Amino acid sequence: MSFLSRIVPGYRPFRYVGEKVPCNLCGSRDHSVLGTRDRWFNPLTNVICTHCGLIRVDPMPTDAELDRYYSDHYRLHYQSTMEPTPKTIERGRKGAEARLSFLSKLVKPGGRVLDIGAGGGEFLAEAKRLGYEVEGVEPSVGFARYAERAYGVKVHISPLNKIDFGGRKFDLVHSFHVFEHLRDPLASMKLVHSILVPGGYFFVAVPNMAEKRTPTGMFHFAHVHGFAYESLRMMAEKAGFEWVPSDAQRAAQVFRRLETPNPDWFRFPNHAAELEKKFRESGLLKHLLTADPYRRAWRRLTRKLRERKLQKAA
């Protein structure tokens, strides 16, 4: 292992073979290459479906490869730890409070809540404190065990599609930055639909691929699919949901379960061309000549200073 691999966890790529697959949203095989390197400049090809605009890694890792990656490598690869740290706990807690501030207006305390990608359990802990019945899904053993131990919550240590919920239905399913990791996000959304009560709510947040960032900086192996608001909404509607206006931001949205999927889900026919154009027109030099990277760096710096101050006070 190189020196850089030891000090920068994400620098060392996860080796896989994968396979060629069609677009998960629309089924088309037509695509354009957006990038051939990840954020650490390791080889990684990302393509955009030229029909609907969903982005994917090509070739796509197999189910077995992803199961192995997320159970044994992911947390160490991207967070340098197999258990939550004070920093990740504090970030998770603040995010949970913010999201529950508007989700609690849709689903009242006492309702049953499932958190997909529960991590260290911060969202579950806050929802439990507010009076919800909670359980979570988290494939990383260290994070799941921490959530159970620290907050007394039930966490399934398994991929979502391998869990038997025993007929239980939920009033709210919450998922924060998970669906970009899934090989078959459409099937997972349909599964969410099946475990919600009639009229139940689905909150889903993913990284926004339409953000003003360098294309290479947005690509890494853990994100096998890439969404913008348009592709996220189309996938949810195809899976049987309707969009609900909320305080959520672009690629973080609330949907409500319908009894019948919307046959007119393909509501953004120009999205693929518009998103591809945005990628083609962006680049590192052009990005550095805008204020965006410096705003992001300032936000990261101030956040780290706040977190360090909190850790010293603890």
C-alpha atoms as a PDB file:
ATOM      1  CA  MET A   1       0.000   0.000   0.000  1.00  0.00           C
ATOM      2  CA  SER A   2       1.383   3.443  -0.901  1.00  0.00           C
ATOM      3  CA  PHE A   3       1.992   6.243   1.614  1.00  0.00           C
ATOM      4  CA  LEU A   4      -0.882   8.236   0.103  1.00  0.00           C
ATOM      5  CA  SER A   5      -3.204   5.238   0.444  1.00  0.00           C
ATOM      6  CA  ARG A   6      -2.440   5.097   4.157  1.00  0.00           C
ATOM      7  CA  ILE A   7      -3.115   8.767   4.913  1.00  0.00           C
ATOM      8  CA  VAL A   8      -6.009   9.327   2.476  1.00  0.00           C
ATOM      9  CA  PRO A   9      -8.507   6.448   2.874  1.00  0.00           C
ATOM     10  CA  GLY A  10     -10.463   7.144  -0.310  1.00  0.00           C
ATOM     11  CA  TYR A  11      -7.350   7.152  -2.456  1.00  0.00           C
ATOM     12  CA  ARG A  12      -7.079   3.374  -2.582  1.00  0.00           C
ATOM     13  CA  PRO A  13      -9.774   2.080  -4.967  1.00  0.00           C
ATOM     14  CA  PHE A  14     -12.037  -0.873  -4.251  1.00  0.00           C
ATOM     15  CA  ARG A  15     -11.306  -3.546  -6.842  1.00  0.00           C
ATOM     16  CA  TYR A  16     -14.329  -4.944  -8.664  1.00  0.00           C
ATOM     17  CA  VAL A  17     -15.359  -6.408 -12.017  1.00  0.00           C
ATOM     18  CA  GLY A  18     -19.014  -5.398 -12.381  1.00  0.00           C
ATOM     19  CA  GLU A  19     -21.274  -5.796 -15.401  1.00  0.00           C
ATOM     20  CA  LYS A  20     -22.969  -3.711 -18.078  1.00  0.00           C
ATOM     21  CA  VAL A  21     -26.559  -2.773 -17.185  1.00  0.00           C
ATOM     22  CA  PRO A  22     -29.294  -0.571 -18.698  1.00  0.00           C
ATOM     23  CA  CYS A  23     -30.570   2.600 -17.030  1.00  0.00           C
ATOM     24  CA  ASN A  24     -32.327   1.766 -13.765  1.00  0.00           C
ATOM     25  CA  LEU A  25     -34.991   4.434 -14.282  1.00  0.00           C
ATOM     26  CA  CYS A  26     -36.042   4.154 -17.932  1.00  0.00           C
ATOM     27  CA  GLY A  27     -34.339   0.967 -19.181  1.00  0.00           C
ATOM     28  CA  SER A  28     -32.443   2.656 -21.999  1.00  0.00           C
ATOM     29  CA  ARG A  29     -28.899   1.582 -22.843  1.00  0.00           C
ATOM     30  CA  ASP A  30     -28.115   4.854 -24.628  1.00  0.00           C
ATOM     31  CA  HIS A  31     -25.611   6.890 -22.652  1.00  0.00           C
ATOM     32  CA  SER A  32     -22.750   9.371 -22.765  1.00  0.00           C
ATOM     33  CA  VAL A  33     -19.572   9.244 -20.702  1.00  0.00           C
ATOM     34  CA  LEU A  34     -19.346  12.084 -18.174  1.00  0.00           C
ATOM     35  CA  GLY A  35     -16.078  11.138 -16.508  1.00  0.00           C
ATOM     36  CA  THR A  36     -13.425   8.434 -16.332  1.00  0.00           C
ATOM     37  CA  ARG A  37     -11.826   9.339 -12.968  1.00  0.00           C
ATOM     38  CA  ASP A  38     -13.097   9.593  -9.401  1.00  0.00           C
ATOM     39  CA  ARG A  39     -12.381  12.367  -6.913  1.00  0.00           C
ATOM     40  CA  TRP A  40      -8.969  10.788  -6.133  1.00  0.00           C
ATOM     41  CA  PHE A  41      -8.205  10.390  -9.865  1.00  0.00           C
ATOM     42  CA  ASN A  42      -8.594   6.622  -9.704  1.00  0.00           C
ATOM     43  CA  PRO A  43     -10.117   5.004 -12.835  1.00  0.00           C
ATOM     44  CA  LEU A  44     -13.932   5.109 -12.585  1.00  0.00           C
ATOM     45  CA  THR A  45     -16.328   5.632 -15.479  1.00  0.00           C
ATOM     46  CA  ASN A  46     -19.608   7.466 -14.910  1.00  0.00           C
ATOM     47  CA  VAL A  47     -22.202   7.718 -17.672  1.00  0.00           C
ATOM     48  CA  ILE A  48     -25.459   9.625 -18.057  1.00  0.00           C
ATOM     49  CA  CYS A  49     -28.561   8.080 -19.591  1.00  0.00           C
ATOM     50  CA  THR A  50     -29.310  10.266 -22.599  1.00  0.00           C
ATOM     51  CA  HIS A  51     -33.027   9.516 -22.298  1.00  0.00           C
ATOM     52  CA  CYS A  52     -33.848  10.352 -18.655  1.00  0.00           C
ATOM     53  CA  GLY A  53     -30.652  11.822 -17.151  1.00  0.00           C
ATOM     54  CA  LEU A  54     -29.933   9.259 -14.430  1.00  0.00           C
ATOM     55  CA  ILE A  55     -26.169   8.886 -13.874  1.00  0.00           C
ATOM     56  CA  ARG A  56     -24.537   5.534 -13.112  1.00  0.00           C
ATOM     57  CA  VAL A  57     -21.155   3.874 -12.678  1.00  0.00           C
ATOM     58  CA  ASP A  58     -20.236   1.765 -15.719  1.00  0.00           C
ATOM     59  CA  PRO A  59     -19.706  -1.124 -15.364  1.00  0.00           C
ATOM     60  CA  MET A  60     -22.095  -1.487 -12.427  1.00  0.00           C
ATOM     61  CA  PRO A  61     -20.818  -3.478  -9.406  1.00  0.00           C
ATOM     62  CA  THR A  62     -22.658  -6.745  -8.799  1.00  0.00           C
ATOM     63  CA  ASP A  63     -24.857  -7.317  -5.742  1.00  0.00           C
ATOM     64  CA  ALA A  64     -22.156  -9.497  -4.177  1.00  0.00           C
ATOM     65  CA  GLU A  65     -19.473  -6.864  -4.756  1.00  0.00           C
ATOM     66  CA  LEU A  66     -21.598  -4.126  -3.191  1.00  0.00           C
ATOM     67  CA  ASP A  67     -22.563  -6.301  -0.211  1.00  0.00           C
ATOM     68  CA  ARG A  68     -18.878  -6.965   0.438  1.00  0.00           C
ATOM     69  CA  TYR A  69     -17.968  -3.312   0.017  1.00  0.00           C
ATOM     70  CA  TYR A  70     -20.605  -1.892   2.361  1.00  0.00           C
ATOM     71  CA  SER A  71     -20.229  -4.506   5.077  1.00  0.00           C
ATOM     72  CA  ASP A  72     -16.423  -4.469   5.239  1.00  0.00           C
ATOM     73  CA  HIS A  73     -14.941  -1.421   3.491  1.00  0.00           C
ATOM     74  CA  TYR A  74     -17.236   1.590   3.104  1.00  0.00           C
ATOM     75  CA  ARG A  75     -17.057   3.227   6.535  1.00  0.00           C
ATOM     76  CA  LEU A  76     -13.302   2.756   6.762  1.00  0.00           C
ATOM     77  CA  HIS A  77     -12.819   3.861   3.177  1.00  0.00           C
ATOM     78  CA  TYR A  78     -14.676   7.162   3.459  1.00  0.00           C
ATOM     79  CA  GLN A  79     -14.716   7.970   7.189  1.00  0.00           C
ATOM     80  CA  SER A  80     -11.541   6.206   8.389  1.00  0.00           C
ATOM     81  CA  THR A  81     -13.473   4.459  11.159  1.00  0.00           C
ATOM     82  CA  MET A  82     -15.794   1.502  11.669  1.00  0.00           C
ATOM     83  CA  GLU A  83     -17.760   3.253  14.455  1.00  0.00           C
ATOM     84  CA  PRO A  84     -19.225   6.765  14.797  1.00  0.00           C
ATOM     85  CA  THR A  85     -16.921   9.553  15.972  1.00  0.00           C
ATOM     86  CA  PRO A  86     -17.968  12.621  18.009  1.00  0.00           C
ATOM     87  CA  LYS A  87     -17.829  14.601  14.757  1.00  0.00           C
ATOM     88  CA  THR A  88     -20.157  12.303  12.809  1.00  0.00           C
ATOM     89  CA  ILE A  89     -22.501  12.011  15.790  1.00  0.00           C
ATOM     90  CA  GLU A  90     -22.827  15.785  16.120  1.00  0.00           C
ATOM     91  CA  ARG A  91     -23.404  16.252  12.385  1.00  0.00           C
ATOM     92  CA  GLY A  92     -25.983  13.482  12.362  1.00  0.00           C
ATOM     93  CA  ARG A  93     -27.792  14.909  15.371  1.00  0.00           C
ATOM     94  CA  LYS A  94     -28.058  18.411  13.910  1.00  0.00           C
ATOM     95  CA  GLY A  95     -29.258  17.078  10.565  1.00  0.00           C
ATOM     96  CA  ALA A  96     -31.856  14.881  12.269  1.00  0.00           C
ATOM     97  CA  GLU A  97     -33.225  17.815  14.239  1.00  0.00           C
ATOM     98  CA  ALA A  98     -33.519  19.925  11.088  1.00  0.00           C
ATOM     99  CA  ARG A  99     -35.320  17.241   9.085  1.00  0.00           C
ATOM    100  CA  LEU A 100     -37.686  16.270  11.876  1.00  0.00           C
ATOM    101  CA  SER A 101     -38.647  19.917  12.329  1.00  0.00           C
ATOM    102  CA  PHE A 102     -40.713  19.671   9.125  1.00  0.00           C
ATOM    103  CA  LEU A 103     -41.326  15.920   8.923  1.00  0.00           C
ATOM    104  CA  SER A 104     -43.085  16.049  12.310  1.00  0.00           C
ATOM    105  CA  LYS A 105     -45.695  18.294  10.684  1.00  0.00           C
ATOM    106  CA  LEU A 106     -46.574  15.466   8.278  1.00  0.00           C
ATOM    107  CA  VAL A 107     -46.362  12.489  10.643  1.00  0.00           C
ATOM    108  CA  LYS A 108     -47.299  13.135  14.250  1.00  0.00           C
ATOM    109  CA  PRO A 109     -45.366  11.616  17.191  1.00  0.00           C
ATOM    110  CA  GLY A 110     -46.585   8.117  17.928  1.00  0.00           C
ATOM    111  CA  GLY A 111     -46.255   7.111  14.283  1.00  0.00           C
ATOM    112  CA  ARG A 112     -43.984   4.300  13.174  1.00  0.00           C
ATOM    113  CA  VAL A 113     -40.721   5.410  11.512  1.00  0.00           C
ATOM    114  CA  LEU A 114     -38.104   3.426   9.577  1.00  0.00           C
ATOM    115  CA  ASP A 115     -34.677   4.937   8.878  1.00  0.00           C
ATOM    116  CA  ILE A 116     -32.863   3.373   5.911  1.00  0.00           C
ATOM    117  CA  GLY A 117     -29.132   3.920   6.320  1.00  0.00           C
ATOM    118  CA  ALA A 118     -29.376   4.601  10.033  1.00  0.00           C
ATOM    119  CA  GLY A 119     -25.626   5.067  10.510  1.00  0.00           C
ATOM    120  CA  GLY A 120     -24.883   5.691  14.169  1.00  0.00           C
ATOM    121  CA  GLY A 121     -28.568   6.142  14.991  1.00  0.00           C
ATOM    122  CA  GLU A 122     -28.796   9.917  15.403  1.00  0.00           C
ATOM    123  CA  PHE A 123     -32.050  10.259  13.446  1.00  0.00           C
ATOM    124  CA  LEU A 124     -33.564   7.283  15.277  1.00  0.00           C
ATOM    125  CA  ALA A 125     -32.546   8.752  18.627  1.00  0.00           C
ATOM    126  CA  GLU A 126     -34.121  12.129  17.896  1.00  0.00           C
ATOM    127  CA  ALA A 127     -37.308  10.552  16.505  1.00  0.00           C
ATOM    128  CA  LYS A 128     -37.535   8.296  19.548  1.00  0.00           C
ATOM    129  CA  ARG A 129     -37.107  11.312  21.839  1.00  0.00           C
ATOM    130  CA  LEU A 130     -40.025  13.001  20.074  1.00  0.00           C
ATOM    131  CA  GLY A 131     -42.262   9.988  20.698  1.00  0.00           C
ATOM    132  CA  TYR A 132     -42.102   7.950  17.481  1.00  0.00           C
ATOM    133  CA  GLU A 133     -41.815   4.172  17.293  1.00  0.00           C
ATOM    134  CA  VAL A 134     -38.534   3.644  15.469  1.00  0.00           C
ATOM    135  CA  GLU A 135     -36.353   1.042  13.827  1.00  0.00           C
ATOM    136  CA  GLY A 136     -33.493   1.286  11.378  1.00  0.00           C
ATOM    137  CA  VAL A 137     -31.567  -0.435   8.606  1.00  0.00           C
ATOM    138  CA  GLU A 138     -27.753  -0.238   8.571  1.00  0.00           C
ATOM    139  CA  PRO A 139     -25.401  -2.766   6.895  1.00  0.00           C
ATOM    140  CA  SER A 140     -22.286  -1.528   8.730  1.00  0.00           C
ATOM    141  CA  VAL A 141     -21.973  -3.662  11.876  1.00  0.00           C
ATOM    142  CA  GLY A 142     -19.980  -1.155  13.931  1.00  0.00           C
ATOM    143  CA  PHE A 143     -22.375   1.725  13.305  1.00  0.00           C
ATOM    144  CA  ALA A 144     -25.483  -0.422  13.811  1.00  0.00           C
ATOM    145  CA  ARG A 145     -24.215  -1.878  17.096  1.00  0.00           C
ATOM    146  CA  TYR A 146     -23.357   1.599  18.316  1.00  0.00           C
ATOM    147  CA  ALA A 147     -26.901   2.826  17.581  1.00  0.00           C
ATOM    148  CA  GLU A 148     -28.413  -0.104  19.460  1.00  0.00           C
ATOM    149  CA  ARG A 149     -26.070   0.317  22.400  1.00  0.00           C
ATOM    150  CA  ALA A 150     -26.180   4.121  22.676  1.00  0.00           C
ATOM    151  CA  TYR A 151     -29.872   4.748  22.003  1.00  0.00           C
ATOM    152  CA  GLY A 152     -31.678   1.476  22.674  1.00  0.00           C
ATOM    153  CA  VAL A 153     -33.127   1.279  19.158  1.00  0.00           C
ATOM    154  CA  LYS A 154     -33.700  -1.712  16.882  1.00  0.00           C
ATOM    155  CA  VAL A 155     -31.414  -1.786  13.844  1.00  0.00           C
ATOM    156  CA  HIS A 156     -31.429  -4.440  11.096  1.00  0.00           C
ATOM    157  CA  ILE A 157     -27.832  -5.186  10.074  1.00  0.00           C
ATOM    158  CA  SER A 158     -28.663  -6.051   6.503  1.00  0.00           C
ATOM    159  CA  PRO A 159     -29.395  -4.599   3.074  1.00  0.00           C
ATOM    160  CA  LEU A 160     -32.998  -3.385   2.831  1.00  0.00           C
ATOM    161  CA  ASN A 161     -34.077  -6.020   0.305  1.00  0.00           C
ATOM    162  CA  LYS A 162     -33.090  -8.892   2.606  1.00  0.00           C
ATOM    163  CA  ILE A 163     -35.199  -7.855   5.618  1.00  0.00           C
ATOM    164  CA  ASP A 164     -38.485  -9.492   6.602  1.00  0.00           C
ATOM    165  CA  PHE A 165     -40.577  -6.833   8.328  1.00  0.00           C
ATOM    166  CA  GLY A 166     -43.203  -9.387   9.291  1.00  0.00           C
ATOM    167  CA  GLY A 167     -46.066  -7.424   7.791  1.00  0.00           C
ATOM    168  CA  ARG A 168     -45.242  -4.235   9.740  1.00  0.00           C
ATOM    169  CA  LYS A 169     -46.130  -0.988   7.982  1.00  0.00           C
ATOM    170  CA  PHE A 170     -44.620   2.427   8.577  1.00  0.00           C
ATOM    171  CA  ASP A 171     -46.041   5.945   8.593  1.00  0.00           C
ATOM    172  CA  LEU A 172     -42.713   7.448   7.520  1.00  0.00           C
ATOM    173  CA  VAL A 173     -39.660   5.992   5.814  1.00  0.00           C
ATOM    174  CA  HIS A 174     -36.598   8.230   6.038  1.00  0.00           C
ATOM    175  CA  SER A 175     -33.475   7.848   3.913  1.00  0.00           C
ATOM    176  CA  PHE A 176     -30.591  10.318   3.959  1.00  0.00           C
ATOM    177  CA  HIS A 177     -27.873   9.854   1.322  1.00  0.00           C
ATOM    178  CA  VAL A 178     -28.520   6.170   0.713  1.00  0.00           C
ATOM    179  CA  PHE A 179     -30.209   5.700  -2.667  1.00  0.00           C
ATOM    180  CA  GLU A 180     -27.153   6.875  -4.592  1.00  0.00           C
ATOM    181  CA  HIS A 181     -25.386   3.827  -3.109  1.00  0.00           C
ATOM    182  CA  LEU A 182     -27.916   1.293  -4.403  1.00  0.00           C
ATOM    183  CA  ARG A 183     -27.520  -0.887  -7.477  1.00  0.00           C
ATOM    184  CA  ASP A 184     -31.300  -0.968  -8.018  1.00  0.00           C
ATOM    185  CA  PRO A 185     -32.772   2.186  -6.452  1.00  0.00           C
ATOM    186  CA  LEU A 186     -36.066   1.833  -8.338  1.00  0.00           C
ATOM    187  CA  ALA A 187     -36.695  -1.613  -6.832  1.00  0.00           C
ATOM    188  CA  SER A 188     -35.817  -0.216  -3.401  1.00  0.00           C
ATOM    189  CA  MET A 189     -38.310   2.629  -3.825  1.00  0.00           C
ATOM    190  CA  LYS A 190     -40.966   0.088  -4.773  1.00  0.00           C
ATOM    191  CA  LEU A 191     -40.063  -1.873  -1.645  1.00  0.00           C
ATOM    192  CA  VAL A 192     -40.454   1.305   0.433  1.00  0.00           C
ATOM    193  CA  HIS A 193     -43.867   1.769  -1.177  1.00  0.00           C
ATOM    194  CA  SER A 194     -44.851  -1.751  -0.072  1.00  0.00           C
ATOM    195  CA  ILE A 195     -43.994  -1.182   3.609  1.00  0.00           C
ATOM    196  CA  LEU A 196     -45.719   2.193   3.973  1.00  0.00           C
ATOM    197  CA  VAL A 197     -49.279   2.600   5.196  1.00  0.00           C
ATOM    198  CA  PRO A 198     -51.722   4.055   2.628  1.00  0.00           C
ATOM    199  CA  GLY A 199     -50.872   7.740   2.347  1.00  0.00           C
ATOM    200  CA  GLY A 200     -47.584   7.206   4.220  1.00  0.00           C
ATOM    201  CA  TYR A 201     -44.606   9.491   3.625  1.00  0.00           C
ATOM    202  CA  PHE A 202     -41.186   8.836   2.138  1.00  0.00           C
ATOM    203  CA  PHE A 203     -38.365  11.328   2.748  1.00  0.00           C
ATOM    204  CA  VAL A 204     -35.351  10.750   0.520  1.00  0.00           C
ATOM    205  CA  ALA A 205     -32.202  12.845   0.195  1.00  0.00           C
ATOM    206  CA  VAL A 206     -29.368  12.253  -2.264  1.00  0.00           C
ATOM    207  CA  PRO A 207     -26.361  14.324  -3.396  1.00  0.00           C
ATOM    208  CA  ASN A 208     -27.431  16.759  -6.081  1.00  0.00           C
ATOM    209  CA  MET A 209     -25.495  16.097  -9.286  1.00  0.00           C
ATOM    210  CA  ALA A 210     -26.699  19.420 -10.702  1.00  0.00           C
ATOM    211  CA  GLU A 211     -24.740  21.379  -8.079  1.00  0.00           C
ATOM    212  CA  LYS A 212     -22.028  23.790  -9.154  1.00  0.00           C
ATOM    213  CA  ARG A 213     -19.016  21.567  -8.510  1.00  0.00           C
ATOM    214  CA  THR A 214     -16.220  20.063 -10.565  1.00  0.00           C
ATOM    215  CA  PRO A 215     -17.496  16.895 -12.282  1.00  0.00           C
ATOM    216  CA  THR A 216     -14.607  14.719 -11.074  1.00  0.00           C
ATOM    217  CA  GLY A 217     -15.191  15.835  -7.483  1.00  0.00           C
ATOM    218  CA  MET A 218     -18.711  14.413  -7.604  1.00  0.00           C
ATOM    219  CA  PHE A 219     -17.701  10.908  -8.655  1.00  0.00           C
ATOM    220  CA  HIS A 220     -16.611   8.127  -6.329  1.00  0.00           C
ATOM    221  CA  PHE A 221     -17.173   4.405  -6.202  1.00  0.00           C
ATOM    222  CA  ALA A 222     -19.626   4.438  -3.297  1.00  0.00           C
ATOM    223  CA  HIS A 223     -22.110   6.454  -5.382  1.00  0.00           C
ATOM    224  CA  VAL A 224     -23.110   3.997  -8.093  1.00  0.00           C
ATOM    225  CA  HIS A 225     -26.039   6.220  -9.136  1.00  0.00           C
ATOM    226  CA  GLY A 226     -26.245   9.984  -9.463  1.00  0.00           C
ATOM    227  CA  PHE A 227     -29.457  11.992  -9.164  1.00  0.00           C
ATOM    228  CA  ALA A 228     -30.698  15.506  -9.653  1.00  0.00           C
ATOM    229  CA  TYR A 229     -34.102  16.726  -8.477  1.00  0.00           C
ATOM    230  CA  GLU A 230     -35.680  15.740 -11.789  1.00  0.00           C
ATOM    231  CA  SER A 231     -34.474  12.135 -11.905  1.00  0.00           C
ATOM    232  CA  LEU A 232     -35.208  11.639  -8.198  1.00  0.00           C
ATOM    233  CA  ARG A 233     -38.780  12.844  -8.633  1.00  0.00           C
ATOM    234  CA  MET A 234     -39.360  10.780 -11.783  1.00  0.00           C
ATOM    235  CA  MET A 235     -38.104   7.621 -10.084  1.00  0.00           C
ATOM    236  CA  ALA A 236     -40.284   8.178  -7.023  1.00  0.00           C
ATOM    237  CA  GLU A 237     -43.360   8.783  -9.174  1.00  0.00           C
ATOM    238  CA  LYS A 238     -42.644   5.675 -11.244  1.00  0.00           C
ATOM    239  CA  ALA A 239     -42.393   3.699  -7.972  1.00  0.00           C
ATOM    240  CA  GLY A 240     -45.863   4.829  -6.872  1.00  0.00           C
ATOM    241  CA  PHE A 241     -45.401   8.133  -5.050  1.00  0.00           C
ATOM    242  CA  GLU A 242     -46.567  11.688  -5.497  1.00  0.00           C
ATOM    243  CA  TRP A 243     -44.413  14.714  -4.741  1.00  0.00           C
ATOM    244  CA  VAL A 244     -45.253  16.720  -1.609  1.00  0.00           C
ATOM    245  CA  PRO A 245     -44.174  20.392  -1.341  1.00  0.00           C
ATOM    246  CA  SER A 246     -42.010  20.832   1.756  1.00  0.00           C
ATOM    247  CA  ASP A 247     -39.100  22.731   3.273  1.00  0.00           C
ATOM    248  CA  ALA A 248     -36.685  20.163   1.833  1.00  0.00           C
ATOM    249  CA  GLN A 249     -34.002  21.230  -0.641  1.00  0.00           C
ATOM    250  CA  ARG A 250     -33.664  20.255  -4.342  1.00  0.00           C
ATOM    251  CA  ALA A 251     -32.332  16.679  -4.126  1.00  0.00           C
ATOM    252  CA  ALA A 252     -33.973  16.067  -0.754  1.00  0.00           C
ATOM    253  CA  GLN A 253     -37.702  15.609  -1.184  1.00  0.00           C
ATOM    254  CA  VAL A 254     -40.857  14.295   0.473  1.00  0.00           C
ATOM    255  CA  PHE A 255     -43.213  11.927  -1.335  1.00  0.00           C
ATOM    256  CA  ARG A 256     -46.559  10.401  -0.403  1.00  0.00           C
ATOM    257  CA  ARG A 257     -47.617   6.845  -1.164  1.00  0.00           C
ATOM    258  CA  LEU A 258     -50.274   6.445  -3.849  1.00  0.00           C
ATOM    259  CA  GLU A 259     -52.264   3.291  -4.428  1.00  0.00           C
ATOM    260  CA  THR A 260     -51.521   3.364  -8.168  1.00  0.00           C
ATOM    261  CA  PRO A 261     -48.207   4.485  -9.768  1.00  0.00           C
ATOM    262  CA  ASN A 262     -48.338   7.538 -12.016  1.00  0.00           C
ATOM    263  CA  PRO A 263     -48.102   6.387 -15.674  1.00  0.00           C
ATOM    264  CA  ASP A 264     -47.014   9.912 -16.642  1.00  0.00           C
ATOM    265  CA  TRP A 265     -43.867   9.875 -14.497  1.00  0.00           C
ATOM    266  CA  PHE A 266     -41.608  10.987 -17.395  1.00  0.00           C
ATOM    267  CA  ARG A 267     -42.276  14.645 -16.706  1.00  0.00           C
ATOM    268  CA  PHE A 268     -38.833  16.148 -17.480  1.00  0.00           C
ATOM    269  CA  PRO A 269     -38.017  15.098 -21.078  1.00  0.00           C
ATOM    270  CA  ASN A 270     -35.282  17.741 -21.465  1.00  0.00           C
ATOM    271  CA  HIS A 271     -33.493  16.925 -18.219  1.00  0.00           C
ATOM    272  CA  ALA A 272     -30.858  14.584 -19.683  1.00  0.00           C
ATOM    273  CA  ALA A 273     -29.705  17.073 -22.313  1.00  0.00           C
ATOM    274  CA  GLU A 274     -29.688  19.961 -19.836  1.00  0.00           C
ATOM    275  CA  LEU A 275     -27.689  18.072 -17.208  1.00  0.00           C
ATOM    276  CA  GLU A 276     -25.191  16.729 -19.736  1.00  0.00           C
ATOM    277  CA  LYS A 277     -24.711  20.263 -21.100  1.00  0.00           C
ATOM    278  CA  LYS A 278     -24.001  21.505 -17.586  1.00  0.00           C
ATOM    279  CA  PHE A 279     -21.308  18.852 -17.159  1.00  0.00           C
ATOM    280  CA  ARG A 280     -19.760  19.571 -20.565  1.00  0.00           C
ATOM    281  CA  GLU A 281     -19.548  23.283 -19.828  1.00  0.00           C
ATOM    282  CA  SER A 282     -17.979  22.844 -16.401  1.00  0.00           C
ATOM    283  CA  GLY A 283     -14.344  22.207 -15.628  1.00  0.00           C
ATOM    284  CA  LEU A 284     -11.751  22.680 -12.925  1.00  0.00           C
ATOM    285  CA  LEU A 285     -10.416  26.033 -14.134  1.00  0.00           C
ATOM    286  CA  LYS A 286     -13.869  27.475 -14.735  1.00  0.00           C
ATOM    287  CA  HIS A 287     -14.973  26.201 -11.332  1.00  0.00           C
ATOM    288  CA  LEU A 288     -12.011  27.842  -9.584  1.00  0.00           C
ATOM    289  CA  LEU A 289     -12.879  31.190 -11.172  1.00  0.00           C
ATOM    290  CA  THR A 290     -16.272  31.231  -9.434  1.00  0.00           C
ATOM    291  CA  ALA A 291     -17.059  31.890  -5.771  1.00  0.00           C
ATOM    292  CA  ASP A 292     -18.570  28.426  -5.216  1.00  0.00           C
ATOM    293  CA  PRO A 293     -15.455  26.430  -4.184  1.00  0.00           C
ATOM    294  CA  TYR A 294     -14.431  29.132  -1.731  1.00  0.00           C
ATOM    295  CA  ARG A 295     -17.883  29.307  -0.165  1.00  0.00           C
ATOM    296  CA  ARG A 296     -17.802  25.536   0.281  1.00  0.00           C
ATOM    297  CA  ALA A 297     -14.308  25.665   1.790  1.00  0.00           C
ATOM    298  CA  TRP A 298     -15.388  28.402   4.203  1.00  0.00           C
ATOM    299  CA  ARG A 299     -18.458  26.436   5.279  1.00  0.00           C
ATOM    300  CA  ARG A 300     -16.333  23.324   5.868  1.00  0.00           C
ATOM    301  CA  LEU A 301     -13.777  25.293   7.874  1.00  0.00           C
ATOM    302  CA  THR A 302     -16.341  26.991  10.119  1.00  0.00           C
ATOM    303  CA  ARG A 303     -18.158  23.684  10.646  1.00  0.00           C
ATOM    304  CA  LYS A 304     -14.934  21.948  11.682  1.00  0.00           C
ATOM    305  CA  LEU A 305     -14.096  24.777  14.083  1.00  0.00           C
ATOM    306  CA  ARG A 306     -17.542  24.502  15.693  1.00  0.00           C
ATOM    307  CA  GLU A 307     -17.177  20.735  16.004  1.00  0.00           C
ATOM    308  CA  ARG A 308     -13.717  21.050  17.538  1.00  0.00           C
ATOM    309  CA  LYS A 309     -15.049  23.568  20.050  1.00  0.00           C
ATOM    310  CA  LEU A 310     -17.880  21.213  21.006  1.00  0.00           C
ATOM    311  CA  GLN A 311     -15.466  18.288  21.410  1.00  0.00           C
ATOM    312  CA  LYS A 312     -13.260  20.318  23.752  1.00  0.00           C
ATOM    313  CA  ALA A 313     -16.298  21.351  25.798  1.00  0.00           C
ATOM    314  CA  ALA A 314     -17.536  17.744  26.117  1.00  0.00           C
END
